[in-house]
Amino acid sequence: MGRMTQLIKITSIQSENADFICQRIARYLSARLGISAEFVSRIPWQERERLLDAGEIQLGWICGLPYVRKVDREGAGIELVAAPVMRHPRYAGRPIYFSDVVVRRDSRYVAFADLRGAAWAYNEPNSQSGYNITRYHLARLGEAGGYFGRVIEAGSHLKAVEMVLAHQVDASAIDSTVLELELEKRPELGNQLRIVDTLGPSPIPPWVATKSVPPDLRDAIRRVFWEMYEDAEGQALLAAGQMARMAPVQDEDYDLIRAMARLAEAVVW
């Protein structure tokens, strides 16, 4: 297609260990569409989200829980673009992910059921994988509150992992894609952590575009994401992030998160 003059600012509100992939996606979009694409990263994720909400960032990778909260508000300013399909067989070729409950390798805990009274870390309260699904799981167990002895907000999945390793907490639910990418970077973690349970699957965090992006450009961005796996550069980019492809997704694909959130409301830490 012909060159477009618009500048698109791109960000991620996912774990920082995937920022390098988002930077490569920005360059890939720029080359494929003939646009200027800037990856916004050197600010806290809360500020990135604020800028996305304000329309000052036009394309973002966000968690499914804030996605449904944003689009369910009147006058929602975002639309779905695509969602990753991870390469590992556990994802069965679908845009889903899990929450792996981790403890230290030498811990006495062997299952989620053993964690009653334990010290628990979650990343932050707008997270599906680290917060919402744990409360949903507790609700399904009939546990309305007080299951854990102590609950601490870590601030991120990677910080929650470090808290487990440092004996500051006993366990945490970690986004499976974050954990797998971190294990690739730091193989020694495989000897330091143990997965005692897996929650999910959940619909995977989607990429979204603001409605301030012209409709024809939004459609062009979608096509680039969906077709990324078809060329060598796109395949290499996806493989670096342990992805097979980017899939089209619809709003109803995130209804499961809405249902989980409704049930989770009954649980207090």
Protein backbone atom coordinates (compact mmCIF):
# COMPACT_ATOMS: atom_id res chain seq x y z
CA MET A 1 0.00 0.00 0.00
CA GLY A 2 1.11 3.60 -0.42
CA ARG A 3 2.95 5.49 2.27
CA MET A 4 0.92 6.95 5.12
CA THR A 5 2.17 10.02 6.93
CA GLN A 6 0.56 9.32 10.30
CA LEU A 7 2.68 8.65 13.39
CA ILE A 8 1.48 5.69 15.40
CA LYS A 9 2.64 5.41 19.01
CA ILE A 10 2.72 1.85 20.31
CA THR A 11 3.03 0.51 23.83
CA SER A 12 2.75 -2.60 25.97
CA ILE A 13 1.08 -2.92 29.34
CA GLN A 14 2.39 -6.46 29.62
CA SER A 15 5.46 -7.74 31.46
CA GLU A 16 8.61 -5.81 30.71
CA ASN A 17 10.41 -8.95 29.55
CA ALA A 18 8.35 -8.78 26.32
CA ASP A 19 9.15 -5.14 25.52
CA PHE A 20 11.81 -6.18 23.03
CA ILE A 21 9.17 -7.96 20.94
CA CYS A 22 6.95 -4.88 20.94
CA GLN A 23 9.87 -2.76 19.77
CA ARG A 24 10.35 -5.16 16.86
CA ILE A 25 6.62 -5.08 16.08
CA ALA A 26 6.80 -1.28 15.88
CA ARG A 27 9.63 -1.50 13.35
CA TYR A 28 7.81 -4.23 11.41
CA LEU A 29 4.60 -2.17 11.17
CA SER A 30 6.55 0.88 10.11
CA ALA A 31 8.24 -1.02 7.29
CA ARG A 32 5.10 -2.83 6.11
CA LEU A 33 2.78 0.18 6.15
CA GLY A 34 5.18 3.00 5.36
CA ILE A 35 4.28 4.86 8.53
CA SER A 36 6.23 6.24 11.45
CA ALA A 37 5.82 3.93 14.44
CA GLU A 38 7.29 4.75 17.85
CA PHE A 39 7.40 2.28 20.75
CA VAL A 40 6.74 4.04 24.07
CA SER A 41 8.46 2.11 26.86
CA ARG A 42 10.61 4.13 29.26
CA ILE A 43 7.78 5.17 31.53
CA PRO A 44 5.80 3.18 34.15
CA TRP A 45 3.10 0.92 32.76
CA GLN A 46 0.45 2.96 34.58
CA GLU A 47 1.46 6.03 32.57
CA ARG A 48 1.49 4.00 29.37
CA GLU A 49 -2.09 2.93 30.07
CA ARG A 50 -3.15 6.50 30.85
CA LEU A 51 -1.72 7.69 27.53
CA LEU A 52 -3.50 4.87 25.70
CA ASP A 53 -6.79 5.78 27.39
CA ALA A 54 -6.24 9.43 26.44
CA GLY A 55 -5.60 8.51 22.79
CA GLU A 56 -2.03 9.82 22.95
CA ILE A 57 -0.85 6.26 22.27
CA GLN A 58 -2.76 4.60 19.45
CA LEU A 59 -1.84 0.91 19.60
CA GLY A 60 -1.34 -1.19 22.72
CA TRP A 61 -0.96 -4.71 24.06
CA ILE A 62 -3.16 -4.91 27.13
CA CYS A 63 -4.48 -7.51 29.58
CA GLY A 64 -7.91 -8.99 28.91
CA LEU A 65 -9.37 -7.76 32.22
CA PRO A 66 -8.77 -4.04 31.60
CA TYR A 67 -9.81 -4.62 27.98
CA VAL A 68 -13.31 -5.74 28.97
CA ARG A 69 -13.58 -3.00 31.57
CA LYS A 70 -12.66 -0.36 29.01
CA VAL A 71 -14.96 -1.56 26.21
CA ASP A 72 -17.88 -2.12 28.56
CA ARG A 73 -17.88 1.56 29.48
CA GLU A 74 -20.02 3.89 27.42
CA GLY A 75 -18.04 5.58 24.68
CA ALA A 76 -15.24 3.01 24.62
CA GLY A 77 -12.32 4.33 22.60
CA ILE A 78 -10.59 1.08 21.61
CA GLU A 79 -11.09 -1.83 19.23
CA LEU A 80 -9.49 -5.26 19.04
CA VAL A 81 -6.68 -5.79 16.53
CA ALA A 82 -5.31 -9.29 17.15
CA ALA A 83 -4.13 -11.66 19.86
CA PRO A 84 -1.06 -13.91 20.07
CA VAL A 85 -1.21 -17.65 19.61
CA MET A 86 1.72 -19.15 21.49
CA ARG A 87 3.89 -21.89 19.96
CA HIS A 88 3.99 -24.31 22.90
CA PRO A 89 1.68 -27.33 22.46
CA ARG A 90 -0.12 -26.54 25.74
CA TYR A 91 -1.89 -23.65 23.96
CA ALA A 92 -3.38 -25.98 21.32
CA GLY A 93 -3.10 -23.36 18.57
CA ARG A 94 -5.56 -21.04 20.32
CA PRO A 95 -5.24 -17.42 21.61
CA ILE A 96 -5.22 -18.50 25.26
CA TYR A 97 -2.82 -18.55 28.19
CA PHE A 98 -2.60 -19.89 31.74
CA SER A 99 -1.63 -18.79 35.22
CA ASP A 100 1.09 -21.04 36.63
CA VAL A 101 1.16 -21.19 40.44
CA VAL A 102 4.83 -21.19 41.42
CA VAL A 103 6.66 -21.94 44.66
CA ARG A 104 10.33 -22.38 45.48
CA ARG A 105 11.81 -25.68 44.37
CA ASP A 106 12.50 -26.65 48.01
CA SER A 107 9.05 -25.61 49.23
CA ARG A 108 6.82 -28.06 51.11
CA TYR A 109 3.80 -27.06 48.98
CA VAL A 110 2.79 -29.51 46.27
CA ALA A 111 -0.68 -28.23 45.22
CA PHE A 112 -2.87 -25.13 45.45
CA ALA A 113 -4.84 -26.88 48.19
CA ASP A 114 -1.71 -26.81 50.37
CA LEU A 115 -1.50 -23.00 50.23
CA ARG A 116 -4.15 -22.24 52.85
CA GLY A 117 -2.54 -19.83 55.29
CA ALA A 118 0.48 -19.24 53.01
CA ALA A 119 1.94 -15.88 52.02
CA TRP A 120 0.78 -14.99 48.50
CA ALA A 121 1.92 -12.33 46.04
CA TYR A 122 -0.10 -11.01 43.10
CA ASN A 123 1.18 -8.64 40.46
CA GLU A 124 -1.55 -5.95 40.48
CA PRO A 125 -5.35 -5.76 40.78
CA ASN A 126 -6.08 -5.07 37.11
CA SER A 127 -4.50 -8.35 36.06
CA GLN A 128 -6.46 -11.35 34.81
CA SER A 129 -3.60 -13.83 35.17
CA GLY A 130 -2.21 -12.71 38.52
CA TYR A 131 -5.26 -11.43 40.38
CA ASN A 132 -8.70 -11.98 38.85
CA ILE A 133 -8.29 -15.67 38.06
CA THR A 134 -6.97 -16.45 41.55
CA ARG A 135 -10.04 -14.87 43.15
CA TYR A 136 -12.22 -16.67 40.60
CA HIS A 137 -10.56 -19.96 41.53
CA LEU A 138 -11.15 -19.28 45.22
CA ALA A 139 -14.80 -18.41 44.53
CA ARG A 140 -15.28 -21.73 42.74
CA LEU A 141 -13.79 -23.46 45.78
CA GLY A 142 -16.33 -21.69 47.97
CA GLU A 143 -13.63 -19.60 49.66
CA ALA A 144 -14.99 -16.08 50.18
CA GLY A 145 -11.94 -14.71 51.96
CA GLY A 146 -9.07 -15.34 54.32
CA TYR A 147 -7.69 -18.30 52.37
CA PHE A 148 -4.14 -16.99 52.36
CA GLY A 149 -2.40 -15.96 55.55
CA ARG A 150 -0.92 -12.84 53.95
CA VAL A 151 -1.44 -11.22 50.53
CA ILE A 152 1.00 -8.71 49.02
CA GLU A 153 0.83 -6.66 45.80
CA ALA A 154 4.19 -7.15 44.07
CA GLY A 155 3.66 -4.67 41.24
CA SER A 156 4.56 -7.03 38.40
CA HIS A 157 4.83 -10.72 37.58
CA LEU A 158 8.63 -10.61 37.56
CA LYS A 159 8.70 -8.92 40.97
CA ALA A 160 6.33 -11.58 42.29
CA VAL A 161 8.75 -14.25 41.05
CA GLU A 162 11.61 -12.51 42.84
CA MET A 163 9.55 -12.33 46.04
CA VAL A 164 9.01 -16.08 45.89
CA LEU A 165 12.71 -16.71 45.31
CA ALA A 166 13.67 -14.36 48.17
CA HIS A 167 11.40 -16.17 50.68
CA GLN A 168 9.27 -13.02 51.04
CA VAL A 169 6.17 -14.97 50.00
CA ASP A 170 5.39 -18.63 49.46
CA ALA A 171 3.63 -18.59 46.10
CA SER A 172 2.20 -16.55 43.25
CA ALA A 173 0.20 -17.05 40.03
CA ILE A 174 2.36 -16.05 37.08
CA ASP A 175 1.25 -15.45 33.48
CA SER A 176 2.45 -18.62 31.74
CA THR A 177 3.80 -16.70 28.73
CA VAL A 178 5.79 -14.38 31.00
CA LEU A 179 7.21 -17.33 32.92
CA GLU A 180 8.13 -19.27 29.77
CA LEU A 181 9.89 -16.26 28.25
CA GLU A 182 11.77 -15.62 31.50
CA LEU A 183 12.81 -19.29 31.71
CA GLU A 184 14.24 -18.97 28.20
CA LYS A 185 16.28 -15.94 29.31
CA ARG A 186 17.19 -17.36 32.74
CA PRO A 187 17.26 -21.17 32.51
CA GLU A 188 18.46 -21.40 36.11
CA LEU A 189 14.94 -20.49 37.24
CA GLY A 190 13.90 -24.00 36.28
CA ASN A 191 16.00 -25.29 39.19
CA GLN A 192 14.72 -22.65 41.60
CA LEU A 193 10.96 -22.71 41.00
CA ARG A 194 8.29 -25.38 40.83
CA ILE A 195 4.79 -25.18 39.35
CA VAL A 196 2.26 -26.71 41.75
CA ASP A 197 -0.94 -25.87 39.87
CA THR A 198 -2.18 -24.18 36.72
CA LEU A 199 -5.26 -21.94 36.55
CA GLY A 200 -7.10 -21.27 33.32
CA PRO A 201 -6.98 -21.08 30.41
CA SER A 202 -7.99 -17.47 29.92
CA PRO A 203 -8.32 -15.50 26.66
CA ILE A 204 -4.85 -14.09 26.00
CA PRO A 205 -4.06 -10.35 26.26
CA PRO A 206 -5.06 -8.66 23.01
CA TRP A 207 -3.60 -5.89 20.92
CA VAL A 208 -6.00 -2.95 20.63
CA ALA A 209 -6.14 0.25 18.58
CA THR A 210 -7.77 3.51 19.54
CA LYS A 211 -10.66 4.75 17.43
CA SER A 212 -8.66 7.91 16.76
CA VAL A 213 -6.74 5.85 14.18
CA PRO A 214 -8.50 6.20 10.81
CA PRO A 215 -10.58 3.10 9.95
CA ASP A 216 -8.54 2.28 6.83
CA LEU A 217 -5.31 2.38 8.82
CA ARG A 218 -6.84 0.28 11.60
CA ASP A 219 -7.79 -2.33 9.01
CA ALA A 220 -4.30 -2.20 7.49
CA ILE A 221 -2.71 -2.71 10.92
CA ARG A 222 -4.97 -5.72 11.52
CA ARG A 223 -3.93 -7.29 8.22
CA VAL A 224 -0.24 -6.84 9.05
CA PHE A 225 -0.74 -8.57 12.40
CA TRP A 226 -2.82 -11.40 10.95
CA GLU A 227 -0.40 -12.03 8.06
CA MET A 228 2.82 -11.65 10.05
CA TYR A 229 3.48 -15.40 10.11
CA GLU A 230 3.52 -15.55 6.30
CA ASP A 231 6.95 -13.94 5.72
CA ALA A 232 10.40 -14.77 7.07
CA GLU A 233 10.88 -11.55 9.03
CA GLY A 234 7.49 -11.87 10.66
CA GLN A 235 8.11 -15.53 11.50
CA ALA A 236 11.42 -14.65 13.17
CA LEU A 237 9.79 -11.85 15.16
CA LEU A 238 7.03 -14.16 16.37
CA ALA A 239 9.45 -16.96 17.20
CA ALA A 240 11.52 -14.61 19.38
CA GLY A 241 8.39 -14.07 21.46
CA GLN A 242 7.52 -17.80 21.46
CA MET A 243 4.48 -17.08 19.27
CA ALA A 244 3.17 -18.97 16.25
CA ARG A 245 0.96 -16.21 14.84
CA MET A 246 -1.38 -13.33 15.63
CA ALA A 247 -5.03 -14.32 15.42
CA PRO A 248 -8.20 -12.32 14.72
CA VAL A 249 -10.32 -12.04 17.87
CA GLN A 250 -13.81 -10.75 18.62
CA ASP A 251 -15.18 -9.04 21.71
CA GLU A 252 -17.19 -12.14 22.65
CA ASP A 253 -13.93 -14.09 22.89
CA TYR A 254 -13.37 -12.19 26.16
CA ASP A 255 -16.75 -13.05 27.68
CA LEU A 256 -15.03 -15.71 29.80
CA ILE A 257 -13.06 -12.98 31.57
CA ARG A 258 -16.28 -11.06 32.20
CA ALA A 259 -17.83 -14.18 33.74
CA MET A 260 -14.76 -14.83 35.88
CA ALA A 261 -14.74 -11.24 37.11
CA ARG A 262 -18.39 -11.43 38.17
CA LEU A 263 -17.74 -14.53 40.26
CA ALA A 264 -14.48 -13.15 41.66
CA GLU A 265 -16.27 -10.11 43.09
CA ALA A 266 -17.47 -12.26 46.00
CA VAL A 267 -13.90 -12.92 47.17
CA VAL A 268 -11.91 -10.60 49.41
CA TRP A 269 -8.29 -11.23 50.33
